[in-house]
Amino acid sequence: MSIKITARGFELPDYLEQHIKEAFFKFDKFKIAFQSKDVFMKLEEGRKFTVEIATKSNLGKIDATGEANELSDAFNEAFDRLERQIIKHKEKPQAHLSEKAQKEKENLIKEEDETLAKL
């Protein structure tokens, strides 16, 4: 899967493209099938950098942004937010399953108590 990188208002340093690819390798441990990975970077007035990351994967659409006076700080903030959102989306189904299991357990205990009360 290729990564679409767009820089507006400044020239993209060569090392940054490799750094972005390495940052996405970090997500391989989550076993996510990305359909698209887009990174938008822009320099706004007052030397403020904004980095926006938009991804589509088997978890759905996940976006993250980061703003800072330094490009690397904005980039790191955006990737940290993206990682937190990916973890949240990965753990969400498990949380629902555990709630369902807890309710089933409570229902079984309730039914068992009612059966014992009848005896």
N, C-alpha and C. Protein backbone atom coordinates (compact mmCIF):
# COMPACT_ATOMS: atom_id res chain seq x y z
N MET A 1 0.86 -1.17 0.00
CA MET A 1 0.00 0.00 0.00
C MET A 1 0.90 1.23 0.00
N SER A 2 0.68 2.07 -0.96
CA SER A 2 1.47 3.29 -1.04
C SER A 2 0.86 4.38 -0.15
N ILE A 3 1.68 5.32 0.18
CA ILE A 3 1.26 6.43 1.03
C ILE A 3 1.26 7.69 0.19
N LYS A 4 0.16 8.39 0.20
CA LYS A 4 0.07 9.65 -0.54
C LYS A 4 0.47 10.77 0.42
N ILE A 5 1.54 11.47 0.06
CA ILE A 5 2.07 12.54 0.91
C ILE A 5 1.95 13.85 0.15
N THR A 6 1.31 14.85 0.78
CA THR A 6 1.13 16.16 0.18
C THR A 6 1.66 17.22 1.13
N ALA A 7 2.48 18.12 0.59
CA ALA A 7 3.01 19.24 1.38
C ALA A 7 2.61 20.54 0.70
N ARG A 8 2.05 21.46 1.48
CA ARG A 8 1.63 22.76 0.94
C ARG A 8 2.32 23.87 1.71
N GLY A 9 2.88 24.81 0.97
CA GLY A 9 3.48 25.98 1.58
C GLY A 9 4.94 25.80 1.94
N PHE A 10 5.50 24.62 1.68
CA PHE A 10 6.92 24.38 1.95
C PHE A 10 7.39 23.17 1.15
N GLU A 11 8.67 23.03 1.03
CA GLU A 11 9.28 21.90 0.33
C GLU A 11 9.45 20.74 1.31
N LEU A 12 9.00 19.57 0.93
CA LEU A 12 9.07 18.39 1.79
C LEU A 12 10.51 17.89 1.87
N PRO A 13 11.09 17.82 3.07
CA PRO A 13 12.45 17.28 3.19
C PRO A 13 12.49 15.81 2.81
N ASP A 14 13.60 15.37 2.21
CA ASP A 14 13.72 13.98 1.74
C ASP A 14 13.61 12.98 2.88
N TYR A 15 14.20 13.30 4.01
CA TYR A 15 14.19 12.36 5.13
C TYR A 15 12.78 12.13 5.69
N LEU A 16 11.90 13.11 5.50
CA LEU A 16 10.57 13.02 6.11
C LEU A 16 9.72 11.95 5.45
N GLU A 17 9.87 11.76 4.16
CA GLU A 17 9.10 10.72 3.47
C GLU A 17 9.44 9.34 4.04
N GLN A 18 10.73 9.08 4.25
CA GLN A 18 11.14 7.81 4.84
C GLN A 18 10.64 7.70 6.28
N HIS A 19 10.66 8.80 7.02
CA HIS A 19 10.18 8.81 8.41
C HIS A 19 8.69 8.47 8.47
N ILE A 20 7.92 8.97 7.52
CA ILE A 20 6.48 8.68 7.46
C ILE A 20 6.25 7.19 7.20
N LYS A 21 6.99 6.63 6.27
CA LYS A 21 6.85 5.20 5.97
C LYS A 21 7.20 4.35 7.19
N GLU A 22 8.25 4.73 7.90
CA GLU A 22 8.63 4.00 9.10
C GLU A 22 7.56 4.11 10.19
N ALA A 23 6.93 5.27 10.27
CA ALA A 23 5.88 5.46 11.27
C ALA A 23 4.68 4.55 10.98
N PHE A 24 4.36 4.35 9.70
CA PHE A 24 3.25 3.47 9.35
C PHE A 24 3.60 1.99 9.59
N PHE A 25 4.89 1.63 9.51
CA PHE A 25 5.29 0.26 9.82
C PHE A 25 4.96 -0.08 11.26
N LYS A 26 4.91 0.91 12.11
CA LYS A 26 4.58 0.73 13.52
C LYS A 26 3.19 0.10 13.69
N PHE A 27 2.30 0.36 12.72
CA PHE A 27 0.92 -0.14 12.81
C PHE A 27 0.79 -1.58 12.31
N ASP A 28 1.86 -2.17 11.79
CA ASP A 28 1.79 -3.56 11.34
C ASP A 28 1.47 -4.51 12.49
N LYS A 29 1.88 -4.14 13.70
CA LYS A 29 1.62 -5.00 14.86
C LYS A 29 0.13 -5.13 15.16
N PHE A 30 -0.69 -4.18 14.67
CA PHE A 30 -2.13 -4.23 14.89
C PHE A 30 -2.85 -5.08 13.86
N LYS A 31 -2.13 -5.54 12.82
CA LYS A 31 -2.70 -6.37 11.75
C LYS A 31 -3.91 -5.70 11.11
N ILE A 32 -3.67 -4.49 10.62
CA ILE A 32 -4.71 -3.70 9.98
C ILE A 32 -4.49 -3.72 8.47
N ALA A 33 -5.55 -3.93 7.71
CA ALA A 33 -5.47 -3.88 6.25
C ALA A 33 -5.89 -2.48 5.79
N PHE A 34 -4.90 -1.64 5.52
CA PHE A 34 -5.18 -0.28 5.06
C PHE A 34 -5.53 -0.30 3.57
N GLN A 35 -6.62 0.41 3.21
CA GLN A 35 -6.95 0.61 1.81
C GLN A 35 -6.30 1.89 1.29
N SER A 36 -6.19 2.90 2.16
CA SER A 36 -5.53 4.15 1.76
C SER A 36 -4.88 4.81 2.97
N LYS A 37 -3.77 5.48 2.69
CA LYS A 37 -3.05 6.24 3.72
C LYS A 37 -2.66 7.57 3.10
N ASP A 38 -3.22 8.64 3.61
CA ASP A 38 -2.94 9.98 3.09
C ASP A 38 -2.40 10.86 4.21
N VAL A 39 -1.29 11.57 3.92
CA VAL A 39 -0.70 12.48 4.88
C VAL A 39 -0.64 13.85 4.21
N PHE A 40 -1.31 14.84 4.83
CA PHE A 40 -1.33 16.21 4.33
C PHE A 40 -0.59 17.10 5.32
N MET A 41 0.37 17.84 4.82
CA MET A 41 1.13 18.75 5.69
C MET A 41 1.05 20.14 5.08
N LYS A 42 0.81 21.14 5.93
CA LYS A 42 0.78 22.50 5.41
C LYS A 42 1.39 23.46 6.42
N LEU A 43 1.96 24.51 5.86
CA LEU A 43 2.54 25.57 6.67
C LEU A 43 1.57 26.73 6.64
N GLU A 44 1.05 27.10 7.80
CA GLU A 44 0.10 28.20 7.89
C GLU A 44 0.83 29.48 8.27
N GLU A 45 0.12 30.57 8.23
CA GLU A 45 0.71 31.86 8.60
C GLU A 45 1.24 31.79 10.04
N GLY A 46 2.34 32.47 10.27
CA GLY A 46 2.93 32.46 11.60
C GLY A 46 3.80 31.25 11.85
N ARG A 47 4.24 30.55 10.78
CA ARG A 47 5.10 29.35 10.88
C ARG A 47 4.50 28.27 11.77
N LYS A 48 3.24 27.99 11.56
CA LYS A 48 2.57 26.92 12.30
C LYS A 48 2.30 25.77 11.32
N PHE A 49 2.78 24.59 11.65
CA PHE A 49 2.60 23.42 10.80
C PHE A 49 1.38 22.62 11.25
N THR A 50 0.64 22.14 10.26
CA THR A 50 -0.50 21.27 10.51
C THR A 50 -0.29 19.99 9.72
N VAL A 51 -0.42 18.86 10.41
CA VAL A 51 -0.30 17.55 9.76
C VAL A 51 -1.62 16.83 9.95
N GLU A 52 -2.21 16.39 8.83
CA GLU A 52 -3.46 15.64 8.86
C GLU A 52 -3.21 14.27 8.25
N ILE A 53 -3.66 13.24 8.95
CA ILE A 53 -3.52 11.87 8.46
C ILE A 53 -4.92 11.29 8.29
N ALA A 54 -5.20 10.80 7.09
CA ALA A 54 -6.49 10.19 6.80
C ALA A 54 -6.25 8.76 6.33
N THR A 55 -6.88 7.80 6.98
CA THR A 55 -6.70 6.40 6.61
C THR A 55 -8.07 5.74 6.43
N LYS A 56 -8.08 4.75 5.57
CA LYS A 56 -9.24 3.86 5.43
C LYS A 56 -8.70 2.45 5.59
N SER A 57 -9.38 1.68 6.42
CA SER A 57 -8.91 0.33 6.70
C SER A 57 -10.09 -0.57 7.03
N ASN A 58 -9.78 -1.80 7.44
CA ASN A 58 -10.84 -2.72 7.84
C ASN A 58 -11.52 -2.26 9.14
N LEU A 59 -10.93 -1.27 9.83
CA LEU A 59 -11.55 -0.69 11.03
C LEU A 59 -12.47 0.48 10.69
N GLY A 60 -12.42 0.94 9.45
CA GLY A 60 -13.20 2.09 9.03
C GLY A 60 -12.29 3.27 8.74
N LYS A 61 -12.89 4.43 8.65
CA LYS A 61 -12.14 5.65 8.35
C LYS A 61 -11.63 6.25 9.66
N ILE A 62 -10.33 6.49 9.73
CA ILE A 62 -9.74 7.07 10.93
C ILE A 62 -8.88 8.26 10.51
N ASP A 63 -9.14 9.42 11.11
CA ASP A 63 -8.40 10.63 10.81
C ASP A 63 -7.75 11.16 12.09
N ALA A 64 -6.59 11.82 11.92
CA ALA A 64 -5.91 12.42 13.06
C ALA A 64 -5.18 13.67 12.58
N THR A 65 -5.09 14.66 13.47
CA THR A 65 -4.39 15.90 13.13
C THR A 65 -3.43 16.27 14.25
N GLY A 66 -2.43 17.05 13.87
CA GLY A 66 -1.48 17.57 14.83
C GLY A 66 -1.02 18.95 14.40
N GLU A 67 -0.88 19.86 15.35
CA GLU A 67 -0.44 21.22 15.06
C GLU A 67 0.70 21.58 16.00
N ALA A 68 1.73 22.22 15.44
CA ALA A 68 2.85 22.67 16.26
C ALA A 68 3.68 23.67 15.45
N ASN A 69 4.61 24.31 16.13
CA ASN A 69 5.49 25.26 15.46
C ASN A 69 6.61 24.55 14.69
N GLU A 70 6.88 23.31 15.03
CA GLU A 70 7.88 22.50 14.33
C GLU A 70 7.18 21.37 13.59
N LEU A 71 7.63 21.08 12.38
CA LEU A 71 7.01 20.05 11.56
C LEU A 71 7.08 18.69 12.24
N SER A 72 8.21 18.35 12.81
CA SER A 72 8.36 17.03 13.44
C SER A 72 7.43 16.88 14.65
N ASP A 73 7.22 17.96 15.41
CA ASP A 73 6.31 17.90 16.56
C ASP A 73 4.87 17.69 16.10
N ALA A 74 4.46 18.40 15.04
CA ALA A 74 3.10 18.23 14.50
C ALA A 74 2.91 16.82 13.96
N PHE A 75 3.94 16.31 13.29
CA PHE A 75 3.90 14.97 12.74
C PHE A 75 3.76 13.93 13.85
N ASN A 76 4.57 14.04 14.89
CA ASN A 76 4.52 13.09 16.00
C ASN A 76 3.18 13.15 16.74
N GLU A 77 2.63 14.35 16.91
CA GLU A 77 1.34 14.50 17.56
C GLU A 77 0.24 13.81 16.76
N ALA A 78 0.25 14.00 15.44
CA ALA A 78 -0.77 13.38 14.58
C ALA A 78 -0.67 11.85 14.63
N PHE A 79 0.55 11.32 14.57
CA PHE A 79 0.70 9.86 14.61
C PHE A 79 0.35 9.29 15.97
N ASP A 80 0.63 10.00 17.04
CA ASP A 80 0.22 9.54 18.37
C ASP A 80 -1.29 9.48 18.48
N ARG A 81 -1.96 10.48 17.95
CA ARG A 81 -3.43 10.48 17.98
C ARG A 81 -3.99 9.35 17.12
N LEU A 82 -3.37 9.12 15.97
CA LEU A 82 -3.82 8.04 15.10
C LEU A 82 -3.66 6.69 15.79
N GLU A 83 -2.54 6.50 16.46
CA GLU A 83 -2.31 5.24 17.18
C GLU A 83 -3.35 5.03 18.28
N ARG A 84 -3.66 6.08 19.04
CA ARG A 84 -4.67 5.95 20.10
C ARG A 84 -6.03 5.59 19.52
N GLN A 85 -6.38 6.19 18.38
CA GLN A 85 -7.68 5.89 17.77
C GLN A 85 -7.72 4.46 17.23
N ILE A 86 -6.61 4.00 16.68
CA ILE A 86 -6.56 2.62 16.18
C ILE A 86 -6.72 1.64 17.33
N ILE A 87 -6.03 1.89 18.42
CA ILE A 87 -6.16 1.02 19.60
C ILE A 87 -7.59 1.02 20.10
N LYS A 88 -8.20 2.19 20.14
CA LYS A 88 -9.59 2.32 20.59
C LYS A 88 -10.52 1.50 19.69
N HIS A 89 -10.34 1.60 18.37
CA HIS A 89 -11.18 0.85 17.45
C HIS A 89 -10.94 -0.65 17.53
N LYS A 90 -9.70 -1.05 17.79
CA LYS A 90 -9.39 -2.48 17.90
C LYS A 90 -9.97 -3.08 19.17
N GLU A 91 -9.98 -2.33 20.27
CA GLU A 91 -10.45 -2.85 21.56
C GLU A 91 -11.95 -2.73 21.73
N LYS A 92 -12.59 -1.90 20.94
CA LYS A 92 -14.03 -1.66 21.11
C LYS A 92 -14.87 -2.94 20.99
N PRO A 93 -14.66 -3.78 19.97
CA PRO A 93 -15.47 -5.01 19.91
C PRO A 93 -15.25 -5.92 21.10
N GLN A 94 -14.04 -5.99 21.63
CA GLN A 94 -13.78 -6.82 22.78
C GLN A 94 -14.50 -6.31 24.01
N ALA A 95 -14.59 -5.00 24.16
CA ALA A 95 -15.29 -4.43 25.30
C ALA A 95 -16.77 -4.79 25.25
N HIS A 96 -17.35 -4.74 24.06
CA HIS A 96 -18.75 -5.10 23.92
C HIS A 96 -18.97 -6.57 24.22
N LEU A 97 -18.05 -7.42 23.80
CA LEU A 97 -18.20 -8.84 24.07
C LEU A 97 -18.15 -9.12 25.56
N SER A 98 -17.27 -8.44 26.26
CA SER A 98 -17.18 -8.69 27.69
C SER A 98 -18.44 -8.20 28.42
N GLU A 99 -19.03 -7.10 27.96
CA GLU A 99 -20.28 -6.63 28.55
C GLU A 99 -21.39 -7.66 28.31
N LYS A 100 -21.42 -8.21 27.11
CA LYS A 100 -22.44 -9.20 26.78
C LYS A 100 -22.26 -10.45 27.64
N ALA A 101 -21.02 -10.88 27.80
CA ALA A 101 -20.74 -12.06 28.63
C ALA A 101 -21.14 -11.81 30.08
N GLN A 102 -20.90 -10.60 30.57
CA GLN A 102 -21.26 -10.25 31.94
C GLN A 102 -22.79 -10.31 32.13
N LYS A 103 -23.54 -9.79 31.16
CA LYS A 103 -25.00 -9.81 31.24
C LYS A 103 -25.53 -11.25 31.20
N GLU A 104 -24.92 -12.09 30.35
CA GLU A 104 -25.34 -13.49 30.28
C GLU A 104 -25.08 -14.20 31.60
N LYS A 105 -23.95 -13.89 32.20
CA LYS A 105 -23.60 -14.49 33.50
C LYS A 105 -24.62 -14.07 34.56
N GLU A 106 -24.97 -12.78 34.57
CA GLU A 106 -25.95 -12.29 35.54
C GLU A 106 -27.31 -12.96 35.32
N ASN A 107 -27.71 -13.14 34.07
CA ASN A 107 -28.98 -13.80 33.77
C ASN A 107 -28.98 -15.25 34.22
N LEU A 108 -27.87 -15.95 34.01
CA LEU A 108 -27.77 -17.34 34.45
C LEU A 108 -27.86 -17.45 35.97
N ILE A 109 -27.18 -16.55 36.67
CA ILE A 109 -27.24 -16.55 38.14
C ILE A 109 -28.66 -16.26 38.61
N LYS A 110 -29.32 -15.31 37.96
CA LYS A 110 -30.69 -14.96 38.32
C LYS A 110 -31.64 -16.14 38.09
N GLU A 111 -31.50 -16.82 36.96
CA GLU A 111 -32.34 -17.98 36.67
C GLU A 111 -32.08 -19.11 37.68
N GLU A 112 -30.82 -19.30 38.03
CA GLU A 112 -30.47 -20.34 38.99
C GLU A 112 -31.05 -20.03 40.36
N ASP A 113 -31.01 -18.75 40.78
CA ASP A 113 -31.59 -18.35 42.06
C ASP A 113 -33.09 -18.57 42.06
N GLU A 114 -33.74 -18.24 40.95
CA GLU A 114 -35.21 -18.43 40.85
C GLU A 114 -35.56 -19.92 40.91
N THR A 115 -34.73 -20.75 40.28
CA THR A 115 -34.97 -22.20 40.31
C THR A 115 -34.80 -22.73 41.72
N LEU A 116 -33.79 -22.27 42.44
CA LEU A 116 -33.56 -22.71 43.82
C LEU A 116 -34.67 -22.21 44.74
N ALA A 117 -35.20 -21.03 44.48
CA ALA A 117 -36.27 -20.49 45.31
C ALA A 117 -37.56 -21.30 45.15
N LYS A 118 -37.80 -21.88 44.00
CA LYS A 118 -38.99 -22.68 43.76
C LYS A 118 -38.91 -24.03 44.48
N LEU A 119 -37.70 -24.52 44.73
CA LEU A 119 -37.53 -25.84 45.39
C LEU A 119 -37.73 -25.67 46.83
